[in-house]
Amino acid sequence: MRNGLVLEGGALRAMFTCGVLDVLMEGGVRFDGMVTVSAGACFGCNFKSNQAGRAIRYNMEYAGDRRFCSVHSWLTTGNMFNAEFGYHTIPERLDPFDYEAFRKSPVEFHIVATNIRTGKAEHRRFDECDDRCIEFMRASAAMPIAQKIVRFDGEKYLDGGIADSIPLRLSESLGFGKNLVVLTQPAGFVKKPNPLLPLIKLRYGVYPNLVEAVRNRHVVYNEETRYAFSQAERGNAFVVCPREPLGISHTEKNPAELKRVYDEGRRVCEGAIARIKEFLGQ
């Protein structure tokens, strides 16, 4: 049976995920494939390239840099998280990403994004972290309002979490029978309707299926959460999540806050690592 790793997004709540992934890497835990969404894709790529510590390092280093994430970037480029700086300058020059290790890794890497024309989730598999992979990763993490629409293969995309925040069913459909699911909200969390829906309708009214997907996102998210825990009860999944709400901003600038959330991910995973290995048969 093939083992899968499912990573939801959550913007900088995913510093929790970075802590979990680093403990998994340090512990030699292996997966056959990864199904990732939004920040889960942006940070999860470091698992495939086997670069423990990289995600927390560069996020802490550049958290306060207006080239990385800022209103200035939003006003001048249309992206709160600066695309050129975050997806090229950092990984290519400032904190090098190991593109060769990513390519050589046998771990399947799948990314989910939302097609704004259909309002449906779509996924792509990437064996190399090339320009196409980076563009679809950028699409997966493109939060409405805060980020520009990303064009890919003639279609337009935004945040994968809109249509499929916790793609466990997708992972199962790809043949991964046992899945470790990393969530960035605690057990029992219930997502509420999006308070920005009127603004979403104003900004994206020409994409009615996208607006409808945003309207229903909390319903889908809550059902996907229930499904993940029900699969855990059946022995088909293992869920790792925070013990309590992380309380971090989507655009947090304080490196100490990023480290706090990262350390929580480490603590939770360290406490569960033996059970995770047993679950995965390792």
Protein backbone atom coordinates (compact mmCIF):
# COMPACT_ATOMS: atom_id res chain seq x y z
CA MET A 1 0.00 0.00 0.00
CA ARG A 2 1.34 3.42 -0.96
CA ASN A 3 1.71 6.13 1.68
CA GLY A 4 0.59 9.71 1.06
CA LEU A 5 1.23 13.04 2.75
CA VAL A 6 -1.62 15.57 2.57
CA LEU A 7 -0.83 19.21 3.37
CA GLU A 8 -3.48 21.92 3.65
CA GLY A 9 -2.63 25.62 3.42
CA GLY A 10 -3.47 28.40 5.84
CA ALA A 11 -0.89 31.05 4.86
CA LEU A 12 1.54 31.50 7.77
CA ARG A 13 -0.38 29.05 9.95
CA ALA A 14 1.58 26.61 7.80
CA MET A 15 4.67 27.42 9.85
CA PHE A 16 3.13 24.66 11.99
CA THR A 17 3.39 22.37 8.95
CA CYS A 18 7.05 23.35 8.51
CA GLY A 19 7.78 22.17 12.04
CA VAL A 20 5.99 18.88 11.39
CA LEU A 21 7.84 18.31 8.11
CA ASP A 22 11.24 19.01 9.62
CA VAL A 23 10.66 16.39 12.34
CA LEU A 24 9.52 13.91 9.68
CA MET A 25 12.65 14.56 7.63
CA GLU A 26 14.92 14.30 10.65
CA GLY A 27 13.20 11.03 11.58
CA GLY A 28 13.64 9.53 8.12
CA VAL A 29 9.90 9.14 7.52
CA ARG A 30 9.17 8.31 3.88
CA PHE A 31 6.17 8.83 1.61
CA ASP A 32 5.36 7.72 -1.90
CA GLY A 33 3.56 10.94 -2.73
CA MET A 34 2.41 14.33 -1.52
CA VAL A 35 -0.84 16.16 -2.26
CA THR A 36 -0.44 19.81 -1.36
CA VAL A 37 -2.48 23.00 -1.34
CA SER A 38 -1.44 26.66 -1.14
CA ALA A 39 1.12 27.22 1.63
CA GLY A 40 1.26 23.43 1.97
CA ALA A 41 2.74 23.35 -1.54
CA CYS A 42 5.05 26.33 -1.04
CA PHE A 43 6.56 24.86 2.11
CA GLY A 44 6.03 21.18 1.33
CA CYS A 45 8.36 21.31 -1.68
CA ASN A 46 11.21 21.44 0.86
CA PHE A 47 10.24 17.94 1.98
CA LYS A 48 10.69 16.56 -1.53
CA SER A 49 14.05 18.35 -1.80
CA ASN A 50 14.98 17.11 1.71
CA GLN A 51 15.88 20.56 3.04
CA ALA A 52 14.93 20.48 6.70
CA GLY A 53 15.03 23.91 8.33
CA ARG A 54 14.90 25.89 5.09
CA ALA A 55 11.29 27.10 5.26
CA ILE A 56 11.44 28.48 8.80
CA ARG A 57 14.88 29.98 8.12
CA TYR A 58 13.95 32.11 5.12
CA ASN A 59 10.55 33.08 6.51
CA MET A 60 12.14 34.39 9.70
CA GLU A 61 14.92 36.11 7.76
CA TYR A 62 12.63 37.99 5.37
CA ALA A 63 9.39 38.36 7.37
CA GLY A 64 9.91 42.10 7.76
CA ASP A 65 11.26 42.71 4.26
CA ARG A 66 8.74 44.65 2.20
CA ARG A 67 9.94 42.79 -0.90
CA PHE A 68 8.62 39.55 0.64
CA CYS A 69 5.14 40.38 1.93
CA SER A 70 3.80 43.90 2.32
CA VAL A 71 1.15 46.43 1.40
CA HIS A 72 3.88 48.10 -0.66
CA SER A 73 4.25 44.92 -2.71
CA TRP A 74 0.47 44.69 -3.09
CA LEU A 75 0.18 48.28 -4.32
CA THR A 76 3.13 48.05 -6.71
CA THR A 77 2.79 44.50 -8.05
CA GLY A 78 -0.77 43.42 -7.24
CA ASN A 79 0.58 40.65 -4.98
CA MET A 80 0.78 40.91 -1.20
CA PHE A 81 3.36 38.10 -1.30
CA ASN A 82 5.79 39.35 -3.93
CA ALA A 83 5.99 36.78 -6.73
CA GLU A 84 9.44 37.66 -8.07
CA PHE A 85 11.09 37.91 -4.66
CA GLY A 86 9.39 34.91 -3.07
CA TYR A 87 9.44 32.47 -5.98
CA HIS A 88 12.71 33.45 -7.65
CA THR A 89 15.05 35.77 -5.70
CA ILE A 90 14.94 33.76 -2.46
CA PRO A 91 15.14 30.20 -3.87
CA GLU A 92 17.56 31.07 -6.66
CA ARG A 93 19.96 33.39 -4.80
CA LEU A 94 19.32 34.19 -1.15
CA ASP A 95 18.42 30.77 0.33
CA PRO A 96 18.98 28.29 -2.51
CA PHE A 97 16.40 25.63 -3.17
CA ASP A 98 17.83 22.24 -4.20
CA TYR A 99 16.15 21.82 -7.57
CA GLU A 100 18.27 18.76 -8.39
CA ALA A 101 17.32 16.95 -5.17
CA PHE A 102 13.65 17.71 -5.91
CA ARG A 103 14.05 16.22 -9.41
CA LYS A 104 15.82 13.09 -8.17
CA SER A 105 13.38 12.39 -5.34
CA PRO A 106 10.95 9.55 -6.17
CA VAL A 107 8.19 11.21 -4.13
CA GLU A 108 5.24 12.23 -6.31
CA PHE A 109 4.42 15.92 -5.84
CA HIS A 110 0.86 17.05 -6.55
CA ILE A 111 -0.44 20.62 -6.28
CA VAL A 112 -4.10 21.71 -6.09
CA ALA A 113 -5.40 25.04 -7.41
CA THR A 114 -8.89 26.43 -8.06
CA ASN A 115 -9.98 27.08 -11.65
CA ILE A 116 -11.87 30.36 -11.35
CA ARG A 117 -13.96 29.72 -14.48
CA THR A 118 -15.39 26.45 -13.15
CA GLY A 119 -14.96 27.02 -9.43
CA LYS A 120 -13.54 23.49 -9.21
CA ALA A 121 -10.27 22.16 -7.85
CA GLU A 122 -7.68 20.91 -10.33
CA HIS A 123 -4.36 19.27 -9.63
CA ARG A 124 -1.09 18.77 -11.46
CA ARG A 125 1.82 16.45 -10.73
CA PHE A 126 5.32 17.87 -11.00
CA ASP A 127 8.51 15.81 -11.01
CA GLU A 128 10.72 18.88 -11.46
CA CYS A 129 10.48 22.26 -9.71
CA ASP A 130 10.70 24.08 -13.03
CA ASP A 131 8.95 27.27 -14.18
CA ARG A 132 5.66 25.42 -14.73
CA CYS A 133 5.73 23.93 -11.26
CA ILE A 134 6.48 27.33 -9.74
CA GLU A 135 3.63 28.99 -11.65
CA PHE A 136 1.09 26.37 -10.58
CA MET A 137 2.39 26.56 -7.01
CA ARG A 138 1.91 30.32 -7.19
CA ALA A 139 -1.63 29.75 -8.45
CA SER A 140 -2.34 27.35 -5.59
CA ALA A 141 -1.27 29.98 -3.06
CA ALA A 142 -2.91 33.00 -4.73
CA MET A 143 -5.31 34.23 -2.05
CA PRO A 144 -8.27 36.18 -3.45
CA ILE A 145 -7.92 39.97 -3.24
CA ALA A 146 -4.37 39.70 -1.84
CA GLN A 147 -2.91 38.05 -4.96
CA LYS A 148 -3.38 38.38 -8.70
CA ILE A 149 -5.05 35.70 -10.77
CA VAL A 150 -2.47 33.28 -12.22
CA ARG A 151 -2.77 32.05 -15.79
CA PHE A 152 -1.71 28.48 -16.55
CA ASP A 153 -2.32 26.44 -19.72
CA GLY A 154 -4.93 28.89 -20.96
CA GLU A 155 -6.98 28.86 -17.74
CA LYS A 156 -7.06 31.17 -14.72
CA TYR A 157 -6.47 30.04 -11.15
CA LEU A 158 -6.55 31.16 -7.53
CA ASP A 159 -5.97 29.56 -4.13
CA GLY A 160 -6.49 25.80 -4.14
CA GLY A 161 -7.98 26.02 -0.67
CA ILE A 162 -11.09 27.68 -2.08
CA ALA A 163 -12.31 24.45 -3.68
CA ASP A 164 -10.33 21.72 -1.90
CA SER A 165 -8.62 22.73 1.33
CA ILE A 166 -7.89 19.21 2.60
CA PRO A 167 -7.43 16.99 -0.48
CA LEU A 168 -7.49 13.63 1.29
CA ARG A 169 -10.02 12.17 -1.12
CA LEU A 170 -7.83 13.25 -4.03
CA SER A 171 -4.83 11.54 -2.45
CA GLU A 172 -6.84 8.35 -2.01
CA SER A 173 -8.00 8.51 -5.64
CA LEU A 174 -4.36 8.74 -6.72
CA GLY A 175 -3.69 5.41 -5.03
CA PHE A 176 -2.33 6.47 -1.66
CA GLY A 177 -4.13 4.14 0.72
CA LYS A 178 -2.58 5.37 3.95
CA ASN A 179 -2.29 9.11 4.44
CA LEU A 180 -0.70 11.39 6.98
CA VAL A 181 -2.84 14.54 6.99
CA VAL A 182 -1.33 17.74 8.38
CA LEU A 183 -3.91 20.36 9.37
CA THR A 184 -3.26 23.89 10.59
CA GLN A 185 -6.41 24.15 12.72
CA PRO A 186 -7.04 22.16 15.91
CA ALA A 187 -9.45 19.24 16.19
CA GLY A 188 -12.98 20.55 16.60
CA PHE A 189 -12.39 23.71 14.58
CA VAL A 190 -15.44 24.82 12.59
CA LYS A 191 -14.92 27.25 9.72
CA LYS A 192 -17.45 30.06 9.43
CA PRO A 193 -18.77 31.79 6.28
CA ASN A 194 -16.32 34.19 4.67
CA PRO A 195 -17.02 37.72 5.96
CA LEU A 196 -15.38 39.15 2.83
CA LEU A 197 -17.91 37.56 0.48
CA PRO A 198 -19.41 40.95 -0.57
CA LEU A 199 -15.92 42.12 -1.56
CA ILE A 200 -15.28 38.82 -3.36
CA LYS A 201 -18.52 39.27 -5.32
CA LEU A 202 -17.52 42.81 -6.22
CA ARG A 203 -14.01 41.84 -7.33
CA TYR A 204 -14.80 38.52 -9.05
CA GLY A 205 -18.43 38.91 -10.10
CA VAL A 206 -17.59 37.91 -13.67
CA TYR A 207 -16.60 34.48 -12.31
CA PRO A 208 -19.86 33.29 -10.69
CA ASN A 209 -18.61 29.75 -10.11
CA LEU A 210 -15.67 31.10 -8.15
CA VAL A 211 -17.95 33.30 -6.05
CA GLU A 212 -20.14 30.28 -5.34
CA ALA A 213 -17.10 28.23 -4.34
CA VAL A 214 -16.07 30.97 -1.89
CA ARG A 215 -19.64 31.12 -0.56
CA ASN A 216 -19.61 27.37 0.13
CA ARG A 217 -16.01 27.06 1.24
CA HIS A 218 -16.79 26.74 4.94
CA VAL A 219 -19.28 23.95 4.24
CA VAL A 220 -16.75 22.03 2.14
CA TYR A 221 -13.92 22.65 4.61
CA ASN A 222 -15.92 21.41 7.58
CA GLU A 223 -17.00 18.29 5.69
CA GLU A 224 -13.41 17.58 4.61
CA THR A 225 -12.25 17.96 8.19
CA ARG A 226 -14.87 15.48 9.38
CA TYR A 227 -13.84 13.08 6.63
CA ALA A 228 -10.16 13.25 7.62
CA PHE A 229 -10.91 12.39 11.22
CA SER A 230 -13.36 9.66 10.21
CA GLN A 231 -10.65 8.10 8.05
CA ALA A 232 -8.30 8.32 11.02
CA GLU A 233 -10.83 6.40 13.13
CA ARG A 234 -10.96 3.71 10.44
CA GLY A 235 -7.17 3.40 10.41
CA ASN A 236 -6.79 4.82 6.90
CA ALA A 237 -5.35 8.19 7.92
CA PHE A 238 -3.29 9.75 10.69
CA VAL A 239 -4.11 13.39 11.46
CA VAL A 240 -1.53 15.80 12.88
CA CYS A 241 -2.92 19.16 13.98
CA PRO A 242 -2.29 21.93 16.54
CA ARG A 243 -3.47 21.40 20.09
CA GLU A 244 -5.17 24.81 20.09
CA PRO A 245 -5.72 27.71 17.66
CA LEU A 246 -2.38 29.05 16.46
CA GLY A 247 -3.40 32.70 16.60
CA ILE A 248 -1.07 33.93 13.88
CA SER A 249 -1.80 36.50 11.18
CA HIS A 250 -1.81 35.50 7.51
CA THR A 251 0.88 38.15 7.00
CA GLU A 252 2.78 37.92 10.29
CA LYS A 253 5.97 40.03 10.39
CA ASN A 254 7.34 39.00 13.78
CA PRO A 255 9.99 36.26 13.43
CA ALA A 256 9.35 35.20 17.03
CA GLU A 257 5.72 34.48 16.18
CA LEU A 258 6.73 32.42 13.17
CA LYS A 259 9.14 30.45 15.33
CA ARG A 260 6.48 29.94 18.01
CA VAL A 261 4.11 28.32 15.52
CA TYR A 262 6.92 26.31 13.93
CA ASP A 263 7.98 25.02 17.35
CA GLU A 264 4.40 23.94 18.05
CA GLY A 265 4.49 21.84 14.90
CA ARG A 266 7.74 20.27 16.04
CA ARG A 267 6.37 19.51 19.51
CA VAL A 268 3.20 17.89 18.20
CA CYS A 269 5.06 15.78 15.64
CA GLU A 270 7.80 14.74 18.07
CA GLY A 271 5.10 13.50 20.41
CA ALA A 272 3.50 11.47 17.63
CA ILE A 273 6.49 10.33 15.58
CA ALA A 274 6.57 6.77 16.94
CA ARG A 275 2.85 6.30 16.22
CA ILE A 276 3.26 7.86 12.76
CA LYS A 277 6.01 5.40 11.87
CA GLU A 278 3.93 2.50 13.16
CA PHE A 279 0.92 3.69 11.14
CA LEU A 280 3.06 3.93 7.97
CA GLY A 281 4.74 0.60 8.63
CA GLN A 282 8.17 2.13 9.11
